[in-house]
Amino acid sequence: MTITFLGHGYVGLVTAAIFADLGNTVWVIGHTEEKINNLKKGIIPIYEPGLAEIVKRNVEVGRLLFTLDYDQAIPASKVVFITVGTPPKDSGEADLSVVFEVVEKIGKHLDGYTVVVTKSTVPVGTNRKVKEIIEKVKPPKAEFDLGSAPEFLREGQAISDTLHPDRIVIGTDSDKAKEVLLELHESIPSNYVLTNIETAEMIKYAANSFLATKISFSNAIAKLSELTGADGIKVLEGIGLDRRIGNQFLSPGAGYGGSCFPKDVKALISIADGYGYDFSLLKAVDSLNEDTILDIVTKAKKLLDNKVKDSTIAVLGLSFKPDTDDMRDAPSIIIINELKKLGAKIKAYDPVAIDNAKKILSDIEFSADSYDVAKDADLLVILTEWNEFKQLDLEKIKKIMKSPIILDGRNIYNPLEVKKIGFTYQGVGR
């Protein structure tokens, strides 16, 4: 089958590469000449384990094609996926301007019968507006149906999530479109949720908001455990073994970030407001996350006896999670900027996110490795749970630090073992 993707970010590029690897002819339309030229050479703009090899392989055999033009890709495609970004506005509402911009271009180039599918995370009712736009601009003889197929990819595990998804959601009001989309996905075994468009649109927001709720709940329990003397990690382990609850996303830490949870929580609050519903639970989830991130700053002040000014604080991990270079809404941004306001000198290291971090964070020193960042530091703060941080020579770290103090914002170390080495140690919920 010939298909097209609008957008080459995490969702568009990964999904396009996988569908090409499954034998389809896949076009990817972008809007930046430099990025498209790089993609044609196999140079990808994001870090995702295993992706570069799949892209290169399919470019070489001619199944994965990159272009700036709509006139060749769209008319030849049976399915067109919209995978452009929907960033939050200041109000929390999703910004759909790019979605509607590409939809108009898609509509003008339709030929024959096409299924236009929104994979971007969009509020309920968006696809109805998409239909109106296409109806106004499409050629008279062109026919189309709409679909909504939200993605559930985790950065760092996006290839596995595409090939082995927990579920594939297909929302459409057309039996013909449903059959086309089922045919396209037949090589990917999964649980299929077949529903109308509005339900599919809502599922994505509901899923991410529920996971964010579990994280904020975990951090609230961790905070209460610190105050009461309970072991928050054991508390969450104890409830996570209940099959009705499950242990995933019950890990306290420095708060959630990334391209999905922060914006989707805020967007669902905004959607609810638009329908006159006060989603107070999600407002609390959002507020708790902000408090959790700032609590790392409070812990840092306490560990330094409030002598933050002119101290040197080393930060291990900048991306919002391991196995990605994504800095979008990373907790490290808020934490570092708050510590800078207090007069701290910041040194930072991340295995892959430094280039992206340099575009966002200023007046900090970026180090070459984990040991370089720790040298002469008064405090070492861990903000991303990269595997390489778990295997550090802590005896060496202790010798090169000015003061052997660790603030473990991701609970990657055993407190007793770290304290035996001679560190002052503070985790989350411990």
Protein backbone atom coordinates (compact mmCIF):
# COMPACT_ATOMS: atom_id res chain seq x y z
CA MET A 1 0.00 0.00 0.00
CA THR A 2 1.19 3.56 -0.68
CA ILE A 3 0.76 5.89 2.28
CA THR A 4 1.90 9.36 3.33
CA PHE A 5 2.86 10.93 6.64
CA LEU A 6 2.69 14.66 7.29
CA GLY A 7 5.44 15.37 9.80
CA HIS A 8 8.71 13.65 10.67
CA GLY A 9 8.94 14.01 14.45
CA TYR A 10 8.95 11.10 16.89
CA VAL A 11 5.54 9.80 15.84
CA GLY A 12 5.68 10.46 12.10
CA LEU A 13 9.21 9.28 11.43
CA VAL A 14 9.07 6.16 13.59
CA THR A 15 5.67 5.03 12.28
CA ALA A 16 6.59 5.81 8.69
CA ALA A 17 9.85 3.85 8.98
CA ILE A 18 8.08 0.82 10.47
CA PHE A 19 5.35 0.78 7.81
CA ALA A 20 8.05 1.01 5.13
CA ASP A 21 9.90 -1.86 6.80
CA LEU A 22 6.68 -3.88 6.58
CA GLY A 23 6.75 -3.53 2.79
CA ASN A 24 4.67 -0.41 2.10
CA THR A 25 5.71 2.54 -0.04
CA VAL A 26 5.80 5.44 2.40
CA TRP A 27 6.11 9.14 1.68
CA VAL A 28 7.04 11.60 4.41
CA ILE A 29 6.26 15.25 3.75
CA GLY A 30 8.15 17.90 5.69
CA HIS A 31 8.41 21.68 5.50
CA THR A 32 12.15 22.28 6.09
CA GLU A 33 14.44 21.68 3.14
CA GLU A 34 17.52 21.02 5.27
CA LYS A 35 15.80 18.34 7.36
CA ILE A 36 14.31 16.64 4.29
CA ASN A 37 17.72 16.59 2.57
CA ASN A 38 19.29 15.10 5.70
CA LEU A 39 16.58 12.45 5.92
CA LYS A 40 17.22 11.47 2.32
CA LYS A 41 20.82 10.82 3.39
CA GLY A 42 19.68 8.81 6.40
CA ILE A 43 20.47 11.57 8.89
CA ILE A 44 17.62 11.70 11.38
CA PRO A 45 16.74 14.76 13.51
CA ILE A 46 15.86 12.85 16.69
CA TYR A 47 17.48 10.27 18.95
CA GLU A 48 15.57 7.01 19.10
CA PRO A 49 17.38 3.69 19.59
CA GLY A 50 17.39 1.60 16.40
CA LEU A 51 15.59 4.16 14.24
CA ALA A 52 18.55 5.32 12.14
CA GLU A 53 19.19 1.79 10.89
CA ILE A 54 15.56 1.24 9.85
CA VAL A 55 15.39 4.62 8.08
CA LYS A 56 18.66 4.01 6.23
CA ARG A 57 17.63 0.51 5.14
CA ASN A 58 14.29 1.61 3.71
CA VAL A 59 15.65 4.75 2.06
CA GLU A 60 18.23 2.61 0.25
CA VAL A 61 15.61 0.21 -1.16
CA GLY A 62 13.27 3.06 -2.15
CA ARG A 63 10.35 2.28 0.17
CA LEU A 64 10.82 5.37 2.37
CA LEU A 65 10.66 8.64 0.46
CA PHE A 66 11.08 12.17 1.80
CA THR A 67 9.76 15.28 0.08
CA LEU A 68 8.60 18.86 0.53
CA ASP A 69 5.96 18.48 -2.18
CA TYR A 70 2.36 17.33 -1.82
CA ASP A 71 1.60 16.89 -5.52
CA GLN A 72 3.38 13.54 -5.91
CA ALA A 73 2.81 11.91 -2.54
CA ILE A 74 -0.84 12.70 -1.77
CA PRO A 75 -2.51 11.66 -5.07
CA ALA A 76 -0.65 8.33 -5.00
CA SER A 77 -1.58 7.47 -1.41
CA LYS A 78 -4.46 5.37 -0.19
CA VAL A 79 -3.96 6.57 3.40
CA VAL A 80 -2.61 9.93 4.60
CA PHE A 81 -1.56 10.27 8.23
CA ILE A 82 -1.36 13.64 10.00
CA THR A 83 1.42 13.52 12.61
CA VAL A 84 2.31 17.19 13.11
CA GLY A 85 2.70 18.77 16.54
CA THR A 86 -0.13 20.20 18.64
CA PRO A 87 1.74 22.24 21.26
CA PRO A 88 -0.09 23.93 24.12
CA LYS A 89 -1.12 27.56 24.03
CA ASP A 90 -0.65 29.68 27.16
CA SER A 91 -4.22 28.75 28.12
CA GLY A 92 -3.40 25.03 27.96
CA GLU A 93 -5.57 24.59 24.86
CA ALA A 94 -3.97 22.62 22.02
CA ASP A 95 -2.64 24.74 19.16
CA LEU A 96 -4.13 23.19 16.02
CA SER A 97 -2.88 25.75 13.53
CA VAL A 98 -0.35 23.43 11.88
CA VAL A 99 -2.91 20.60 11.71
CA PHE A 100 -5.38 22.79 9.82
CA GLU A 101 -2.61 24.19 7.63
CA VAL A 102 -1.52 20.76 6.40
CA VAL A 103 -5.12 19.54 6.10
CA GLU A 104 -5.89 22.28 3.58
CA LYS A 105 -2.84 21.27 1.53
CA ILE A 106 -3.82 17.61 1.72
CA GLY A 107 -7.35 18.39 0.59
CA LYS A 108 -6.22 20.31 -2.47
CA HIS A 109 -4.12 17.36 -3.69
CA LEU A 110 -6.55 14.46 -3.12
CA ASP A 111 -7.22 12.22 -6.10
CA GLY A 112 -9.52 9.21 -6.18
CA TYR A 113 -10.38 7.70 -2.78
CA THR A 114 -8.23 8.47 0.27
CA VAL A 115 -8.49 7.82 4.00
CA VAL A 116 -7.22 10.88 5.90
CA VAL A 117 -6.17 9.84 9.41
CA THR A 118 -5.26 12.09 12.33
CA LYS A 119 -2.51 10.60 14.50
CA SER A 120 -1.67 13.89 16.14
CA THR A 121 -3.17 14.33 19.59
CA VAL A 122 -6.18 16.58 19.01
CA PRO A 123 -9.22 17.62 21.09
CA VAL A 124 -12.59 16.01 20.58
CA GLY A 125 -14.31 17.54 17.57
CA THR A 126 -11.11 18.36 15.66
CA ASN A 127 -11.71 15.80 12.93
CA ARG A 128 -15.13 17.27 12.22
CA LYS A 129 -13.36 20.57 11.46
CA VAL A 130 -10.82 18.67 9.34
CA LYS A 131 -13.71 17.31 7.27
CA GLU A 132 -15.13 20.79 6.73
CA ILE A 133 -11.78 22.10 5.51
CA ILE A 134 -11.24 19.22 3.08
CA GLU A 135 -14.79 19.47 1.70
CA LYS A 136 -14.17 23.13 0.82
CA VAL A 137 -10.86 22.65 -1.01
CA LYS A 138 -10.81 19.14 -2.52
CA PRO A 139 -11.14 18.51 -6.27
CA PRO A 140 -14.75 17.72 -7.26
CA LYS A 141 -14.08 14.07 -8.15
CA ALA A 142 -11.94 13.28 -5.10
CA GLU A 143 -13.51 11.13 -2.37
CA PHE A 144 -12.30 10.72 1.19
CA ASP A 145 -13.14 9.35 4.60
CA LEU A 146 -11.76 10.40 7.96
CA GLY A 147 -10.09 8.33 10.62
CA SER A 148 -8.57 8.91 14.04
CA ALA A 149 -5.72 6.59 15.08
CA PRO A 150 -4.00 8.05 18.14
CA GLU A 151 -0.45 6.93 18.89
CA PHE A 152 0.81 5.59 22.21
CA LEU A 153 4.56 5.58 21.60
CA ARG A 154 7.05 5.93 24.42
CA GLU A 155 10.18 7.81 23.47
CA GLY A 156 13.14 5.46 23.77
CA GLN A 157 10.89 2.47 23.08
CA ALA A 158 8.97 3.78 20.09
CA ILE A 159 9.99 1.05 17.64
CA SER A 160 8.91 -1.74 19.98
CA ASP A 161 5.70 0.13 20.78
CA THR A 162 4.89 0.45 17.07
CA LEU A 163 5.50 -3.22 16.31
CA HIS A 164 4.03 -4.62 19.55
CA PRO A 165 1.40 -2.14 20.75
CA ASP A 166 -0.91 -2.82 23.68
CA ARG A 167 -3.77 -1.72 21.45
CA ILE A 168 -4.48 -0.11 18.11
CA VAL A 169 -7.31 2.41 18.18
CA ILE A 170 -9.14 3.04 14.92
CA GLY A 171 -11.89 5.62 15.02
CA THR A 172 -14.01 6.16 11.92
CA ASP A 173 -17.64 6.40 10.86
CA SER A 174 -16.92 4.68 7.54
CA ASP A 175 -16.89 0.91 7.06
CA LYS A 176 -14.75 1.35 3.95
CA ALA A 177 -12.14 3.37 5.84
CA LYS A 178 -12.16 0.83 8.67
CA GLU A 179 -11.39 -2.00 6.24
CA VAL A 180 -8.54 -0.02 4.64
CA LEU A 181 -6.97 0.75 8.02
CA LEU A 182 -7.35 -2.83 9.24
CA GLU A 183 -5.65 -4.04 6.06
CA LEU A 184 -2.77 -1.59 6.59
CA HIS A 185 -2.27 -2.78 10.18
CA GLU A 186 -2.74 -6.51 9.55
CA SER A 187 1.00 -7.21 10.00
CA ILE A 188 0.88 -5.75 13.50
CA PRO A 189 -0.91 -8.12 15.92
CA SER A 190 -2.65 -6.28 18.72
CA ASN A 191 -5.92 -5.63 20.52
CA TYR A 192 -8.05 -3.52 18.17
CA VAL A 193 -10.39 -0.86 19.53
CA LEU A 194 -12.83 0.03 16.75
CA THR A 195 -14.93 3.05 17.56
CA ASN A 196 -16.23 6.39 16.34
CA ILE A 197 -13.96 9.37 15.83
CA GLU A 198 -14.87 11.26 19.02
CA THR A 199 -14.11 8.24 21.19
CA ALA A 200 -10.73 7.71 19.53
CA GLU A 201 -9.85 11.38 20.07
CA MET A 202 -10.75 11.10 23.75
CA ILE A 203 -8.87 7.83 24.39
CA LYS A 204 -5.45 9.43 23.88
CA TYR A 205 -6.07 12.28 26.32
CA ALA A 206 -7.66 9.92 28.85
CA ALA A 207 -4.72 7.49 28.70
CA ASN A 208 -1.99 10.10 29.17
CA SER A 209 -3.92 11.95 31.86
CA PHE A 210 -4.48 8.74 33.82
CA LEU A 211 -0.76 7.88 33.68
CA ALA A 212 0.10 11.41 34.79
CA THR A 213 -2.36 10.95 37.66
CA LYS A 214 -0.54 7.80 38.79
CA ILE A 215 2.77 9.69 38.76
CA SER A 216 1.43 12.64 40.75
CA PHE A 217 -0.25 10.26 43.20
CA SER A 218 3.08 8.46 43.64
CA ASN A 219 4.86 11.72 44.35
CA ALA A 220 2.19 12.78 46.83
CA ILE A 221 2.56 9.47 48.69
CA ALA A 222 6.35 9.89 48.58
CA LYS A 223 6.10 13.36 50.11
CA LEU A 224 3.75 12.17 52.85
CA SER A 225 6.04 9.20 53.54
CA GLU A 226 9.00 11.53 54.05
CA LEU A 227 6.98 13.52 56.57
CA THR A 228 5.71 10.48 58.48
CA GLY A 229 8.84 8.33 58.43
CA ALA A 230 7.35 5.71 56.12
CA ASP A 231 9.29 4.24 53.20
CA GLY A 232 7.43 5.61 50.19
CA ILE A 233 9.07 3.16 47.82
CA LYS A 234 7.78 0.21 49.85
CA VAL A 235 4.35 1.81 50.18
CA LEU A 236 4.04 2.07 46.41
CA GLU A 237 5.45 -1.42 45.94
CA GLY A 238 2.82 -2.69 48.35
CA ILE A 239 -0.09 -1.14 46.49
CA GLY A 240 1.35 -1.85 43.02
CA LEU A 241 1.21 -5.60 43.64
CA ASP A 242 -2.57 -5.30 43.73
CA ARG A 243 -3.58 -6.43 40.24
CA ARG A 244 -6.35 -3.85 40.20
CA ILE A 245 -3.72 -1.09 40.50
CA GLY A 246 -0.52 -2.40 38.88
CA ASN A 247 3.01 -1.16 39.53
CA GLN A 248 3.67 0.77 36.32
CA PHE A 249 4.05 4.55 36.75
CA LEU A 250 4.09 4.21 40.55
CA SER A 251 7.66 5.48 40.78
CA PRO A 252 8.17 8.78 42.64
CA GLY A 253 10.77 11.18 41.37
CA ALA A 254 11.40 14.69 40.11
CA GLY A 255 8.05 14.97 38.32
CA TYR A 256 6.86 14.15 34.83
CA GLY A 257 7.75 16.07 31.67
CA GLY A 258 8.09 15.47 27.95
CA SER A 259 6.00 16.17 24.90
CA CYS A 260 2.82 14.41 26.04
CA PHE A 261 1.87 14.35 29.72
CA PRO A 262 2.17 18.08 30.56
CA LYS A 263 0.39 19.30 27.43
CA ASP A 264 -2.25 16.56 27.35
CA VAL A 265 -3.23 17.07 30.99
CA LYS A 266 -3.60 20.80 30.39
CA ALA A 267 -5.44 20.21 27.12
CA LEU A 268 -7.96 17.84 28.71
CA ILE A 269 -8.59 20.39 31.46
CA SER A 270 -9.19 22.96 28.71
CA ILE A 271 -11.50 20.60 26.81
CA ALA A 272 -13.51 19.99 29.98
CA ASP A 273 -13.72 23.74 30.65
CA GLY A 274 -15.11 24.20 27.14
CA TYR A 275 -17.95 21.84 27.99
CA GLY A 276 -18.60 23.48 31.34
CA TYR A 277 -16.99 20.71 33.42
CA ASP A 278 -14.50 21.59 36.17
CA PHE A 279 -11.96 18.75 35.96
CA SER A 280 -10.64 19.42 39.47
CA LEU A 281 -8.89 16.04 39.70
CA LEU A 282 -6.64 16.81 36.73
CA LYS A 283 -6.03 20.35 37.96
CA ALA A 284 -4.71 18.81 41.18
CA VAL A 285 -2.54 16.38 39.17
CA ASP A 286 -1.01 19.31 37.28
CA SER A 287 -0.46 21.32 40.46
CA LEU A 288 1.08 18.35 42.27
CA ASN A 289 3.55 17.86 39.45
CA GLU A 290 4.66 21.48 39.63
CA ASP A 291 5.12 21.13 43.39
CA THR A 292 7.09 17.90 42.93
CA ILE A 293 9.55 19.53 40.53
CA LEU A 294 10.09 22.50 42.85
CA ASP A 295 10.51 20.15 45.82
CA ILE A 296 13.83 19.05 44.32
CA VAL A 297 14.99 22.65 44.68
CA THR A 298 13.80 22.70 48.29
CA LYS A 299 15.72 19.49 49.00
CA ALA A 300 18.84 20.95 47.39
CA LYS A 301 18.65 24.04 49.60
CA LYS A 302 18.27 21.88 52.72
CA LEU A 303 21.21 19.63 51.80
CA LEU A 304 23.38 22.73 51.32
CA ASP A 305 22.21 24.26 54.63
CA ASN A 306 20.60 27.05 52.57
CA LYS A 307 24.05 28.08 51.30
CA VAL A 308 23.12 27.77 47.64
CA LYS A 309 24.67 31.07 46.54
CA ASP A 310 28.11 30.49 44.96
CA SER A 311 27.82 26.73 45.44
CA THR A 312 28.60 24.36 42.56
CA ILE A 313 25.77 21.98 41.77
CA ALA A 314 26.35 19.10 39.35
CA VAL A 315 23.34 17.79 37.42
CA LEU A 316 23.29 14.29 35.95
CA GLY A 317 20.58 13.97 33.29
CA LEU A 318 18.77 16.70 31.36
CA SER A 319 16.26 14.94 29.07
CA PHE A 320 12.82 14.34 30.55
CA LYS A 321 13.45 10.56 30.53
CA PRO A 322 16.26 8.19 29.53
CA ASP A 323 16.86 6.92 25.98
CA THR A 324 15.78 10.19 24.37
CA ASP A 325 17.27 13.61 23.65
CA ASP A 326 13.88 15.29 24.14
CA MET A 327 14.04 18.36 26.36
CA ARG A 328 10.40 19.39 25.98
CA ASP A 329 9.00 20.28 29.41
CA ALA A 330 11.88 18.43 31.08
CA PRO A 331 11.84 18.97 34.88
CA SER A 332 15.58 19.74 34.66
CA ILE A 333 14.80 23.08 32.98
CA ILE A 334 12.74 24.40 35.90
CA ILE A 335 15.07 22.94 38.55
CA ILE A 336 18.24 24.34 36.99
CA ASN A 337 16.73 27.78 36.40
CA GLU A 338 15.46 27.95 40.00
CA LEU A 339 18.87 26.96 41.37
CA LYS A 340 20.48 29.61 39.16
CA LYS A 341 18.14 32.22 40.61
CA LEU A 342 19.45 31.27 44.03
CA GLY A 343 23.00 31.97 42.89
CA ALA A 344 24.28 28.45 42.24
CA LYS A 345 26.84 27.62 39.59
CA ILE A 346 25.44 24.75 37.50
CA LYS A 347 27.42 22.03 35.75
CA ALA A 348 25.44 19.48 33.74
CA TYR A 349 25.89 16.28 31.78
CA ASP A 350 23.54 14.13 29.70
CA PRO A 351 24.54 11.26 27.38
CA VAL A 352 22.57 12.51 24.35
CA ALA A 353 20.54 15.65 25.17
CA ILE A 354 23.28 18.27 25.57
CA ASP A 355 22.87 19.73 22.06
CA ASN A 356 19.14 20.25 22.63
CA ALA A 357 19.73 21.49 26.17
CA LYS A 358 22.11 24.18 24.91
CA LYS A 359 19.22 25.68 22.94
CA ILE A 360 17.18 26.06 26.13
CA LEU A 361 19.56 26.46 29.08
CA SER A 362 22.05 29.31 29.30
CA ASP A 363 24.81 30.30 31.72
CA ILE A 364 25.60 26.75 32.76
CA GLU A 365 28.66 24.60 32.13
CA PHE A 366 28.14 21.45 30.06
CA SER A 367 30.52 18.66 31.01
CA ALA A 368 32.07 15.86 28.95
CA ASP A 369 31.07 12.96 31.20
CA SER A 370 29.69 11.96 34.60
CA TYR A 371 33.00 12.34 36.39
CA ASP A 372 33.87 15.68 34.83
CA VAL A 373 30.52 17.11 35.98
CA ALA A 374 31.05 15.90 39.56
CA LYS A 375 34.53 17.41 39.96
CA ASP A 376 34.60 20.02 42.75
CA ALA A 377 30.81 19.95 43.12
CA ASP A 378 29.11 20.74 46.42
CA LEU A 379 26.05 18.70 45.45
CA LEU A 380 25.28 16.06 42.82
CA VAL A 381 21.65 16.02 41.60
CA ILE A 382 20.32 13.14 39.48
CA LEU A 383 17.37 14.15 37.28
CA THR A 384 17.27 11.43 34.58
CA GLU A 385 17.67 7.71 35.25
CA TRP A 386 20.12 6.87 32.45
CA ASN A 387 21.55 3.37 32.88
CA GLU A 388 25.12 4.62 32.76
CA PHE A 389 24.50 6.67 35.92
CA LYS A 390 23.52 3.51 37.81
CA GLN A 391 26.96 1.99 37.21
CA LEU A 392 29.16 4.93 38.23
CA ASP A 393 32.21 4.42 40.44
CA LEU A 394 30.81 6.23 43.48
CA GLU A 395 34.11 5.90 45.35
CA LYS A 396 35.72 7.93 42.55
CA ILE A 397 32.81 10.40 42.56
CA LYS A 398 33.24 10.93 46.31
CA LYS A 399 36.94 11.69 45.94
CA ILE A 400 36.50 14.33 43.24
CA MET A 401 33.52 16.15 44.77
CA LYS A 402 34.08 19.06 47.12
CA SER A 403 31.28 17.76 49.36
CA PRO A 404 29.98 14.16 49.09
CA ILE A 405 26.25 14.92 48.85
CA ILE A 406 23.83 13.24 46.45
CA LEU A 407 20.26 14.29 45.74
CA ASP A 408 18.81 11.33 43.87
CA GLY A 409 15.75 12.68 42.08
CA ARG A 410 15.06 9.31 40.41
CA ASN A 411 15.91 6.88 43.25
CA ILE A 412 18.50 5.01 41.19
CA TYR A 413 20.76 4.20 44.16
CA ASN A 414 20.39 2.09 47.27
CA PRO A 415 20.50 4.62 50.13
CA LEU A 416 22.29 2.30 52.55
CA GLU A 417 25.04 1.44 50.08
CA VAL A 418 25.59 5.07 49.14
CA LYS A 419 25.73 6.14 52.77
CA LYS A 420 28.27 3.39 53.54
CA ILE A 421 30.60 4.95 50.99
CA GLY A 422 30.37 8.19 52.94
CA PHE A 423 27.80 10.25 51.08
CA THR A 424 25.02 12.33 52.52
CA TYR A 425 22.09 10.98 50.52
CA GLN A 426 18.54 12.17 49.86
CA GLY A 427 16.09 10.39 47.55
CA VAL A 428 12.38 10.88 46.94
CA GLY A 429 9.97 9.23 49.37
CA ARG A 430 12.77 7.76 51.44
